[in-house]
Amino acid sequence: MMRKTVTTKLLGSMRGFPSHRMNYAVNAVARELIKSRELEKDELRPLYMDFQATTPMDPRVLDAMLPYQVNYYGNPHSRTHAYGWESESAMEKARKQVADLIAADPREIVFTSGATESNNMSIKGVARFYKSKKKHVITTQTEHKCVLDSCRVLEAEGFDITYLPVKTNGLVDLQLLEETIRQDTSLVSVMTVNNEIGVRQPVEDIGRICRSRNVFFHTDAAQAVGKIPINVSDWKVDLMSISGHKIYGPKGVGALYVRRRPRVRMEPLQNGGGQERGLRSGTVPTPLAVGLGAACDIAQQELEYDHSRVSMLANRLVRKIMSEIPDVVMNGDPEQRYPGCINLSFAYVEGESLLMALKDVALSSGSACTSASLEPSYVLRAIGTDEDLAHSSIRFGIGRFSTEAEVDYTADKCIQQVKRLREMSPLWEMVQEGIDLKSIKWTQH
């Protein structure tokens, strides 16, 4: 019954679509059917290769959290008894562990519910505080959705937002950024590592430019913290967003680094008891804060090892796939990137079809193809990827708990299925015959 309902709903939403996009919608329907079937089964789960979406909690993090879920349950803001004191002590220890990972002062760390809240606080908070003198904010076209949507909210309030384009390798043009900064620019927001294509922006150079022009610099570092070395002072970052579940910590917790000198002022999004320096009122959830602190502490100890191992596994995956399959494109700069995020486009293969063929591996598509939106990823569009290639993109995420066997299995299965799907593709057949597809004038009936 559930499958029938899903089918009816999705097919109903396809009415009026152009015929050349119908196959994308059909794949969306098929994917929903597969999802409902798989959820009804009680079989082995697929192996996990989607570490940019979330990471499994490190067992050591859970060990650190458990006492504060059961025994030490005091409110960390209760100052009159031992229950509050022990929770406050644990919270402040966690604050220091987060600060140490990014070379900050613990007093500059504000606990939040995650990077989305941290991004909202940074962009809206700074812009609104300085709105009497400065009404201009700069960001890029490839930012996370919560950054772009926060900027759109500010636009509706009368702020002027510049969405900088990026180069074809996904990196910001520093000269263009410098030329775009105005006297009334209050904030520049550029993410450290892109969540979709893995490119690493030149945040040190961006920080230097912003500091020289007396403009605050915010970076969404959810995909970077704990994975690459970070020093907020060297980078001249004023605000940095951190997510717990992207660094093998718990979901529902994150942090915002807010520089004290030179001081960053911001208007709080929520008001109440004045916790977290008045920037984020509400009781800090001690178990989650402890989990974030433990995750940061482990990441600091194992960062170098994790990075070298993830790099080795990523190189192994890319080499294996590209040596066996022609016409595979890596999206984003091949050098300036975090190795654990690999976005590949497989020409002449529809990404949704490949995802369904690889249903025993948990991956995500670079294409935002759903029944509601058949447009390719805005990140891939921003770097100038052709629509067909954008629709053929798959993101592979490798992390701390990935194994060589998993990487080899994923690569072998991917090679096998791409070859199978291409054999079924008339476009691939035409290319093999030497026909230039771009020279063909397609007609729509």
Protein backbone atom coordinates (compact mmCIF):
# COMPACT_ATOMS: atom_id res chain seq x y z
CA MET A 1 0.00 0.00 0.00
CA MET A 2 2.82 2.40 0.88
CA ARG A 3 4.57 1.75 -2.44
CA LYS A 4 1.34 2.41 -4.36
CA THR A 5 0.83 5.71 -2.54
CA VAL A 6 4.40 6.83 -3.24
CA THR A 7 4.07 5.90 -6.91
CA THR A 8 0.77 7.72 -7.35
CA LYS A 9 2.09 10.83 -5.64
CA LEU A 10 5.33 11.02 -7.58
CA LEU A 11 3.86 10.17 -10.98
CA GLY A 12 1.13 12.72 -10.41
CA SER A 13 3.76 15.40 -9.87
CA MET A 14 5.35 14.56 -13.25
CA ARG A 15 2.47 15.87 -15.36
CA GLY A 16 3.62 18.65 -17.68
CA PHE A 17 7.35 17.80 -17.55
CA PRO A 18 9.22 18.04 -20.88
CA SER A 19 9.87 14.63 -22.37
CA HIS A 20 13.66 14.95 -22.21
CA ARG A 21 13.44 15.25 -18.42
CA MET A 22 10.92 12.46 -17.92
CA ASN A 23 13.65 9.88 -17.32
CA TYR A 24 14.92 11.85 -14.32
CA ALA A 25 11.43 11.88 -12.81
CA VAL A 26 10.96 8.17 -13.51
CA ASN A 27 14.23 7.48 -11.69
CA ALA A 28 12.98 9.50 -8.74
CA VAL A 29 9.86 7.33 -8.62
CA ALA A 30 11.93 4.16 -8.84
CA ARG A 31 14.24 5.36 -6.08
CA GLU A 32 11.30 5.98 -3.75
CA LEU A 33 9.99 2.48 -4.47
CA ILE A 34 13.38 0.92 -3.78
CA LYS A 35 13.67 2.92 -0.57
CA SER A 36 10.29 1.73 0.68
CA ARG A 37 11.13 -1.89 -0.18
CA GLU A 38 14.54 -1.76 1.50
CA LEU A 39 13.08 -0.26 4.67
CA GLU A 40 10.59 -3.12 4.85
CA LYS A 41 13.35 -5.72 4.65
CA ASP A 42 15.36 -7.05 7.56
CA GLU A 43 18.62 -7.68 5.75
CA LEU A 44 22.23 -6.53 5.94
CA ARG A 45 22.56 -2.78 5.60
CA PRO A 46 24.64 -1.22 2.78
CA LEU A 47 28.22 -0.24 3.50
CA TYR A 48 28.62 3.43 4.33
CA MET A 49 30.38 5.82 1.93
CA ASP A 50 28.59 9.10 2.69
CA PHE A 51 30.75 10.70 5.38
CA GLN A 52 29.95 14.25 4.20
CA ALA A 53 26.28 13.75 5.12
CA THR A 54 27.09 12.56 8.63
CA THR A 55 29.60 10.42 10.48
CA PRO A 56 29.02 7.50 12.85
CA MET A 57 29.64 8.39 16.46
CA ASP A 58 33.04 7.29 17.71
CA PRO A 59 32.49 4.77 20.55
CA ARG A 60 34.91 6.78 22.70
CA VAL A 61 32.60 9.78 22.37
CA LEU A 62 29.64 7.72 23.57
CA ASP A 63 31.68 6.51 26.55
CA ALA A 64 32.37 10.13 27.52
CA MET A 65 28.70 11.10 27.19
CA LEU A 66 26.98 8.25 29.05
CA PRO A 67 27.69 9.39 32.65
CA TYR A 68 26.05 12.75 31.87
CA GLN A 69 22.98 11.02 30.46
CA VAL A 70 22.36 9.05 33.66
CA ASN A 71 24.32 10.06 36.77
CA TYR A 72 25.46 13.66 36.29
CA TYR A 73 22.20 15.22 35.16
CA GLY A 74 22.43 18.65 36.79
CA ASN A 75 21.70 21.87 34.94
CA PRO A 76 25.13 23.38 34.13
CA HIS A 77 23.75 26.83 34.89
CA SER A 78 22.66 25.93 38.44
CA ARG A 79 25.19 27.63 40.70
CA THR A 80 23.90 26.62 44.14
CA HIS A 81 24.65 22.88 44.40
CA ALA A 82 26.98 20.10 43.35
CA TYR A 83 24.74 18.82 40.57
CA GLY A 84 25.11 22.08 38.72
CA TRP A 85 28.80 22.47 39.51
CA GLU A 86 29.80 19.08 38.13
CA SER A 87 27.80 19.64 34.92
CA GLU A 88 29.27 23.12 34.53
CA SER A 89 32.77 21.71 35.00
CA ALA A 90 32.15 19.13 32.27
CA MET A 91 30.72 21.80 29.96
CA GLU A 92 33.73 24.08 30.42
CA LYS A 93 36.13 21.20 29.83
CA ALA A 94 34.32 20.48 26.57
CA ARG A 95 34.49 24.17 25.63
CA LYS A 96 38.27 24.06 26.04
CA GLN A 97 38.54 20.88 23.96
CA VAL A 98 36.66 22.56 21.10
CA ALA A 99 38.79 25.70 21.43
CA ASP A 100 42.07 23.75 21.45
CA LEU A 101 41.20 22.04 18.16
CA ILE A 102 41.05 25.39 16.33
CA ALA A 103 43.67 27.22 18.47
CA ALA A 104 41.12 29.55 20.06
CA ASP A 105 40.39 30.86 23.54
CA PRO A 106 37.67 28.81 25.32
CA ARG A 107 35.83 32.07 26.05
CA GLU A 108 35.36 32.46 22.27
CA ILE A 109 33.34 29.21 21.92
CA VAL A 110 29.54 29.34 21.96
CA PHE A 111 27.63 26.04 22.04
CA THR A 112 24.81 25.75 19.48
CA SER A 113 22.57 23.03 18.05
CA GLY A 114 24.80 22.60 14.99
CA ALA A 115 26.41 24.34 12.04
CA THR A 116 23.09 25.49 10.58
CA GLU A 117 22.32 27.49 13.71
CA SER A 118 25.91 28.74 13.88
CA ASN A 119 25.71 29.95 10.27
CA ASN A 120 22.38 31.67 10.88
CA MET A 121 23.71 33.34 14.03
CA SER A 122 26.84 34.59 12.27
CA ILE A 123 25.27 35.99 9.13
CA LYS A 124 22.05 37.43 10.52
CA GLY A 125 23.57 38.41 13.86
CA VAL A 126 26.50 40.43 12.50
CA ALA A 127 24.54 41.99 9.64
CA ARG A 128 21.72 43.15 11.90
CA PHE A 129 24.02 44.51 14.61
CA TYR A 130 25.92 46.76 12.18
CA LYS A 131 22.97 47.58 9.89
CA SER A 132 22.89 51.28 10.82
CA LYS A 133 26.28 51.78 9.13
CA LYS A 134 26.82 48.74 6.94
CA LYS A 135 24.22 47.02 4.74
CA HIS A 136 26.37 44.86 2.45
CA VAL A 137 27.24 41.15 2.85
CA ILE A 138 29.37 39.00 0.52
CA THR A 139 29.14 35.24 0.09
CA THR A 140 29.65 32.74 -2.74
CA GLN A 141 27.26 30.82 -4.99
CA THR A 142 28.52 27.47 -3.70
CA GLU A 143 27.81 27.94 0.01
CA HIS A 144 25.67 25.57 2.06
CA LYS A 145 21.93 26.13 1.69
CA CYS A 146 21.59 27.55 5.20
CA VAL A 147 24.08 30.32 4.36
CA LEU A 148 22.36 31.17 1.09
CA ASP A 149 18.92 31.14 2.70
CA SER A 150 20.13 33.34 5.57
CA CYS A 151 21.38 35.82 3.01
CA ARG A 152 18.04 35.76 1.22
CA VAL A 153 16.31 36.58 4.51
CA LEU A 154 18.63 39.57 4.87
CA GLU A 155 17.84 40.64 1.31
CA ALA A 156 14.16 40.71 2.23
CA GLU A 157 15.10 42.99 5.15
CA GLY A 158 16.78 45.46 2.78
CA PHE A 159 20.40 44.31 2.89
CA ASP A 160 22.50 44.21 -0.27
CA ILE A 161 23.96 40.71 -0.82
CA THR A 162 26.65 39.84 -3.35
CA TYR A 163 26.79 36.16 -4.37
CA LEU A 164 30.28 35.80 -5.81
CA PRO A 165 30.75 33.33 -8.66
CA VAL A 166 33.55 30.79 -8.33
CA LYS A 167 36.06 29.63 -10.90
CA THR A 168 35.60 26.36 -12.78
CA ASN A 169 37.76 24.62 -10.16
CA GLY A 170 35.35 25.76 -7.45
CA LEU A 171 37.72 28.28 -5.84
CA VAL A 172 36.99 31.93 -5.13
CA ASP A 173 38.66 34.56 -7.29
CA LEU A 174 40.56 36.56 -4.65
CA GLN A 175 40.94 39.62 -6.86
CA LEU A 176 37.21 39.70 -7.54
CA LEU A 177 36.53 39.33 -3.81
CA GLU A 178 38.78 42.26 -2.98
CA GLU A 179 37.17 44.41 -5.68
CA THR A 180 33.69 43.55 -4.37
CA ILE A 181 34.34 44.72 -0.78
CA ARG A 182 32.81 48.16 -0.19
CA GLN A 183 32.86 50.76 2.58
CA ASP A 184 29.51 49.42 3.82
CA THR A 185 30.48 45.71 3.73
CA SER A 186 30.04 44.22 7.19
CA LEU A 187 30.69 40.52 6.55
CA VAL A 188 32.24 38.04 4.13
CA SER A 189 31.11 34.41 4.47
CA VAL A 190 33.03 31.70 2.60
CA MET A 191 33.03 28.02 3.59
CA THR A 192 36.36 26.30 4.27
CA VAL A 193 35.68 22.94 2.58
CA ASN A 194 32.74 22.49 0.22
CA ASN A 195 30.35 19.76 1.34
CA GLU A 196 29.62 18.59 -2.20
CA ILE A 197 32.84 18.79 -4.23
CA GLY A 198 35.41 18.94 -1.41
CA VAL A 199 37.35 21.99 -2.61
CA ARG A 200 39.26 23.87 0.07
CA GLN A 201 38.99 27.63 -0.23
CA PRO A 202 42.06 29.84 0.39
CA VAL A 203 40.69 30.95 3.75
CA GLU A 204 44.05 32.31 4.93
CA ASP A 205 44.14 34.73 1.97
CA ILE A 206 40.47 35.63 2.39
CA GLY A 207 41.05 36.34 6.08
CA ARG A 208 44.02 38.58 5.26
CA ILE A 209 41.97 40.55 2.72
CA CYS A 210 39.04 40.98 5.10
CA ARG A 211 41.23 42.07 8.02
CA SER A 212 43.02 44.64 5.83
CA ARG A 213 39.64 46.09 4.80
CA ASN A 214 38.13 46.05 8.31
CA VAL A 215 35.46 43.52 7.33
CA PHE A 216 34.44 40.54 9.47
CA PHE A 217 35.13 37.08 8.00
CA HIS A 218 32.89 34.09 8.73
CA THR A 219 33.64 30.58 7.51
CA ASP A 220 31.43 27.49 7.64
CA ALA A 221 34.01 24.90 8.69
CA ALA A 222 31.64 22.00 9.32
CA GLN A 223 33.45 19.86 6.73
CA ALA A 224 36.93 21.00 7.79
CA VAL A 225 37.16 21.01 11.60
CA GLY A 226 38.90 17.89 12.84
CA LYS A 227 39.99 16.96 9.32
CA ILE A 228 42.58 19.61 8.49
CA PRO A 229 44.78 21.71 10.82
CA ILE A 230 43.05 24.98 11.77
CA ASN A 231 44.38 28.05 13.53
CA VAL A 232 41.79 30.82 13.69
CA SER A 233 44.40 33.45 14.55
CA ASP A 234 46.66 32.59 11.61
CA TRP A 235 43.63 32.42 9.32
CA LYS A 236 42.31 35.75 10.67
CA VAL A 237 38.84 34.23 10.97
CA ASP A 238 36.31 36.18 13.05
CA LEU A 239 33.50 33.62 13.15
CA MET A 240 33.65 29.86 12.49
CA SER A 241 30.80 27.33 12.42
CA ILE A 242 31.36 23.80 13.77
CA SER A 243 29.15 20.70 13.64
CA GLY A 244 29.32 17.77 16.06
CA HIS A 245 28.00 15.02 13.80
CA LYS A 246 30.53 15.78 11.06
CA ILE A 247 33.44 14.89 13.36
CA TYR A 248 32.17 11.58 14.82
CA GLY A 249 30.29 13.34 17.61
CA PRO A 250 26.58 13.46 18.48
CA LYS A 251 23.88 15.03 16.35
CA GLY A 252 22.11 18.10 17.68
CA VAL A 253 25.17 19.98 18.89
CA GLY A 254 27.71 22.32 17.35
CA ALA A 255 29.64 25.43 18.18
CA LEU A 256 30.33 28.92 16.95
CA TYR A 257 33.71 30.55 17.36
CA VAL A 258 33.27 34.31 17.95
CA ARG A 259 36.48 36.35 18.11
CA ARG A 260 36.99 38.52 21.21
CA ARG A 261 39.86 40.72 19.91
CA PRO A 262 39.17 42.47 17.61
CA ARG A 263 35.73 42.05 19.08
CA VAL A 264 32.86 40.80 16.95
CA ARG A 265 29.44 42.12 17.95
CA MET A 266 26.27 40.31 16.92
CA GLU A 267 22.56 40.40 17.61
CA PRO A 268 21.34 37.12 19.17
CA LEU A 269 18.72 35.10 17.31
CA GLN A 270 17.03 33.91 20.50
CA ASN A 271 16.64 35.56 23.87
CA GLY A 272 16.16 34.20 27.34
CA GLY A 273 18.41 33.45 30.28
CA GLY A 274 21.51 35.02 28.73
CA GLN A 275 23.58 31.84 28.57
CA GLU A 276 26.62 31.63 26.28
CA ARG A 277 27.62 35.28 26.75
CA GLY A 278 24.08 36.33 25.89
CA LEU A 279 24.57 35.18 22.31
CA ARG A 280 22.62 31.92 22.58
CA SER A 281 20.15 31.72 25.44
CA GLY A 282 18.95 28.30 26.57
CA THR A 283 20.29 25.50 28.76
CA VAL A 284 23.39 23.94 27.25
CA PRO A 285 22.77 20.15 26.90
CA THR A 286 25.67 18.82 28.95
CA PRO A 287 25.81 15.30 27.42
CA LEU A 288 25.91 16.71 23.89
CA ALA A 289 28.50 19.33 24.78
CA VAL A 290 30.64 16.64 26.42
CA GLY A 291 30.28 14.53 23.27
CA LEU A 292 31.36 17.42 21.04
CA GLY A 293 34.34 18.09 23.30
CA ALA A 294 35.38 14.44 23.28
CA ALA A 295 35.05 14.30 19.47
CA CYS A 296 37.26 17.38 19.13
CA ASP A 297 39.83 15.96 21.55
CA ILE A 298 40.02 12.67 19.63
CA ALA A 299 40.20 14.53 16.31
CA GLN A 300 43.13 16.62 17.55
CA GLN A 301 45.04 13.53 18.65
CA GLU A 302 44.36 11.57 15.46
CA LEU A 303 44.11 14.32 12.84
CA GLU A 304 47.41 13.59 11.13
CA TYR A 305 46.81 9.84 11.03
CA ASP A 306 43.19 10.21 9.88
CA HIS A 307 44.16 12.61 7.11
CA SER A 308 46.94 10.40 5.74
CA ARG A 309 44.74 7.30 5.86
CA VAL A 310 41.74 9.02 4.22
CA SER A 311 44.09 10.39 1.53
CA MET A 312 45.41 6.90 0.83
CA LEU A 313 41.91 5.41 0.56
CA ALA A 314 40.67 8.29 -1.62
CA ASN A 315 43.60 7.94 -4.02
CA ARG A 316 42.97 4.20 -4.15
CA LEU A 317 39.31 4.73 -5.07
CA VAL A 318 39.95 7.39 -7.72
CA ARG A 319 42.85 5.53 -9.34
CA LYS A 320 40.89 2.30 -9.53
CA ILE A 321 37.81 3.90 -11.08
CA MET A 322 39.62 6.17 -13.52
CA SER A 323 41.97 3.44 -14.71
CA GLU A 324 39.03 1.23 -15.66
CA ILE A 325 36.44 3.71 -16.95
CA PRO A 326 36.98 6.43 -19.60
CA ASP A 327 35.16 9.79 -19.56
CA VAL A 328 35.12 10.24 -15.79
CA VAL A 329 35.51 13.80 -14.51
CA MET A 330 36.52 14.83 -10.99
CA ASN A 331 34.56 17.95 -10.04
CA GLY A 332 36.48 20.67 -8.23
CA ASP A 333 40.15 21.49 -7.96
CA PRO A 334 42.25 18.29 -7.92
CA GLU A 335 44.85 19.74 -5.52
CA GLN A 336 43.15 22.29 -3.25
CA ARG A 337 40.68 19.88 -1.68
CA TYR A 338 39.88 17.67 1.27
CA PRO A 339 40.63 14.16 -0.03
CA GLY A 340 37.75 12.42 1.75
CA CYS A 341 35.12 14.16 -0.40
CA ILE A 342 35.23 12.91 -4.00
CA ASN A 343 32.69 14.07 -6.57
CA LEU A 344 32.88 12.22 -9.89
CA SER A 345 30.79 12.66 -13.03
CA PHE A 346 30.34 9.57 -15.19
CA ALA A 347 29.56 10.77 -18.71
CA TYR A 348 26.63 9.09 -20.51
CA VAL A 349 25.29 7.61 -17.26
CA GLU A 350 22.39 9.08 -15.32
CA GLY A 351 23.40 9.55 -11.70
CA GLU A 352 20.12 8.37 -10.22
CA SER A 353 20.31 5.15 -12.26
CA LEU A 354 23.83 4.53 -10.98
CA LEU A 355 22.77 5.17 -7.38
CA MET A 356 19.99 2.61 -7.72
CA ALA A 357 22.41 0.11 -9.25
CA LEU A 358 24.72 0.68 -6.27
CA LYS A 359 22.01 0.28 -3.65
CA ASP A 360 24.26 -1.89 -1.47
CA VAL A 361 26.57 1.13 -1.02
CA ALA A 362 25.31 4.25 0.78
CA LEU A 363 26.27 7.14 -1.52
CA SER A 364 24.71 10.41 -2.59
CA SER A 365 24.22 11.98 -5.97
CA GLY A 366 25.73 15.26 -7.06
CA SER A 367 22.41 15.86 -8.75
CA ALA A 368 19.50 17.24 -6.77
CA CYS A 369 17.09 15.12 -8.83
CA THR A 370 13.84 14.59 -7.02
CA SER A 371 10.21 14.54 -7.96
CA ALA A 372 9.97 18.17 -6.92
CA SER A 373 13.18 19.48 -8.50
CA LEU A 374 14.83 18.06 -11.57
CA GLU A 375 17.58 20.64 -11.68
CA PRO A 376 21.19 19.53 -11.18
CA SER A 377 23.14 20.63 -8.11
CA TYR A 378 23.57 24.40 -7.83
CA VAL A 379 27.19 23.82 -6.79
CA LEU A 380 27.95 21.95 -10.02
CA ARG A 381 26.11 24.59 -12.04
CA ALA A 382 28.18 27.30 -10.35
CA ILE A 383 31.45 25.70 -11.50
CA GLY A 384 30.15 25.50 -15.06
CA THR A 385 29.49 21.75 -15.27
CA ASP A 386 27.33 20.77 -18.26
CA GLU A 387 23.82 19.75 -17.23
CA ASP A 388 24.28 16.19 -18.52
CA LEU A 389 27.51 15.77 -16.55
CA ALA A 390 25.94 17.34 -13.46
CA HIS A 391 23.14 14.79 -13.64
CA SER A 392 25.73 11.99 -13.77
CA SER A 393 27.56 12.97 -10.58
CA ILE A 394 28.13 10.79 -7.53
CA ARG A 395 29.70 11.92 -4.24
CA PHE A 396 31.91 9.39 -2.46
CA GLY A 397 32.59 10.13 1.22
CA ILE A 398 35.50 8.43 2.99
CA GLY A 399 36.14 8.72 6.72
CA ARG A 400 37.81 7.42 9.85
CA PHE A 401 36.09 4.05 9.83
CA SER A 402 36.29 3.34 6.08
CA THR A 403 38.30 0.25 5.13
CA GLU A 404 40.32 -0.78 2.12
CA ALA A 405 37.87 -3.63 1.48
CA GLU A 406 34.95 -1.18 1.40
CA VAL A 407 36.78 1.15 -0.99
CA ASP A 408 37.72 -1.74 -3.30
CA TYR A 409 34.18 -3.12 -3.26
CA THR A 410 32.72 0.31 -4.04
CA ALA A 411 35.16 0.90 -6.89
CA ASP A 412 34.61 -2.57 -8.41
CA LYS A 413 30.83 -2.30 -8.16
CA CYS A 414 30.91 1.22 -9.62
CA ILE A 415 33.06 0.12 -12.57
CA GLN A 416 30.79 -2.85 -13.23
CA GLN A 417 27.56 -0.83 -13.13
CA VAL A 418 28.85 2.12 -15.17
CA LYS A 419 29.92 -0.26 -17.93
CA ARG A 420 26.54 -2.00 -17.79
CA LEU A 421 24.57 1.26 -17.94
CA ARG A 422 26.69 2.61 -20.78
CA GLU A 423 26.08 -0.53 -22.81
CA MET A 424 22.38 0.28 -22.53
CA SER A 425 22.85 3.94 -23.49
CA PRO A 426 22.27 5.04 -27.10
CA LEU A 427 24.36 8.14 -26.38
CA TRP A 428 27.36 6.00 -25.44
CA GLU A 429 26.90 3.98 -28.63
CA MET A 430 26.87 7.18 -30.71
CA VAL A 431 30.04 8.43 -29.00
CA GLN A 432 31.77 5.11 -29.71
CA GLU A 433 30.87 5.58 -33.36
CA GLY A 434 32.61 8.97 -33.36
CA ILE A 435 29.49 11.15 -33.37
CA ASP A 436 29.86 14.53 -31.65
CA LEU A 437 26.75 14.79 -29.48
CA LYS A 438 27.07 18.57 -29.19
CA SER A 439 26.73 18.91 -32.95
CA ILE A 440 23.32 17.19 -32.95
CA LYS A 441 20.23 19.36 -32.99
CA TRP A 442 17.74 17.51 -30.81
CA THR A 443 14.03 18.00 -31.44
CA GLN A 444 11.31 17.72 -28.84
CA HIS A 445 7.99 16.06 -29.67
